[in-house]
Protein backbone atom coordinates (compact mmCIF):
# COMPACT_ATOMS: atom_id res chain seq x y z
CA MET A 1 43.92 123.64 19.19
CA ASN A 2 45.23 126.02 16.50
CA LYS A 3 45.94 125.09 12.90
CA ALA A 4 49.67 124.50 13.59
CA GLU A 5 48.93 122.04 16.35
CA LEU A 6 46.40 120.30 14.05
CA ILE A 7 48.99 120.04 11.35
CA GLU A 8 51.42 118.36 13.75
CA GLN A 9 48.74 115.95 14.82
CA VAL A 10 47.97 115.14 11.17
CA GLN A 11 51.73 114.56 10.53
CA LYS A 12 51.94 112.20 13.47
CA THR A 13 48.84 110.33 12.28
CA LEU A 14 50.11 109.96 8.77
CA GLY A 15 53.46 108.75 10.20
CA GLY A 16 56.50 107.75 8.38
CA GLU A 17 58.40 110.61 6.90
CA THR A 18 55.43 112.84 6.31
CA SER A 19 56.44 116.43 6.05
CA LYS A 20 54.61 119.38 7.67
CA ARG A 21 53.85 120.63 4.14
CA ALA A 22 52.29 117.33 3.15
CA ALA A 23 50.26 117.22 6.46
CA GLY A 24 49.18 120.85 5.86
CA ASP A 25 48.15 120.21 2.38
CA ALA A 26 46.15 117.10 3.49
CA LEU A 27 44.45 119.22 6.26
CA ASP A 28 43.62 121.97 3.84
CA ALA A 29 42.03 119.48 1.43
CA VAL A 30 39.86 117.97 4.21
CA LEU A 31 38.77 121.46 5.36
CA THR A 32 38.03 122.64 1.87
CA CYS A 33 35.75 119.59 1.30
CA ILE A 34 33.93 120.17 4.60
CA ALA A 35 33.46 123.78 3.75
CA ALA A 36 32.18 122.98 0.35
CA TYR A 37 29.66 120.51 1.70
CA LEU A 38 28.44 123.08 4.32
CA VAL A 39 27.94 125.67 1.56
CA LEU A 40 25.98 123.23 -0.61
CA LYS A 41 23.94 122.11 2.37
CA SER A 42 22.97 125.54 3.36
CA THR A 43 22.50 126.84 -0.22
CA PHE A 44 20.54 123.81 -1.70
CA GLY A 45 19.17 122.12 1.43
CA LEU A 46 20.94 118.89 0.77
CA ARG A 47 21.10 116.33 3.56
CA LEU A 48 23.65 113.61 4.04
CA MET A 49 21.94 110.39 4.94
CA ALA A 50 23.71 106.95 5.18
CA GLY A 51 26.45 108.21 2.86
CA VAL A 52 24.09 109.31 0.04
CA MET A 53 22.94 112.82 -0.79
CA TRP A 54 19.25 113.32 -1.56
CA ASP A 55 17.68 116.45 -3.17
CA LEU A 56 15.10 118.46 -1.18
CA GLY A 57 12.69 121.15 -2.50
CA GLU A 58 14.21 123.25 -5.21
CA ALA A 59 17.32 121.24 -5.29
CA ALA A 60 15.38 118.45 -7.05
CA SER A 61 16.04 120.16 -10.39
CA LEU A 62 19.81 120.15 -9.73
CA PRO A 63 21.97 117.15 -10.67
CA ARG A 64 22.50 114.77 -7.93
CA LEU A 65 25.90 114.71 -6.24
CA ALA A 66 28.04 111.61 -6.43
CA ARG A 67 28.90 109.68 -3.13
């Protein structure tokens, strides 16, 4: 599935009169959040457990992330 097909699927899922632009914006927001989490996880060794992030190792001195 390419990005255009994924946008169409998001548009269908949101339903109503959702535009492709709005569906694309929603998809971009979700992908940005996922990418940011993956960068944090790989950089600081954070793990997601039961919806809460815990610090590990050197990350203990960093501020905790909100849920």
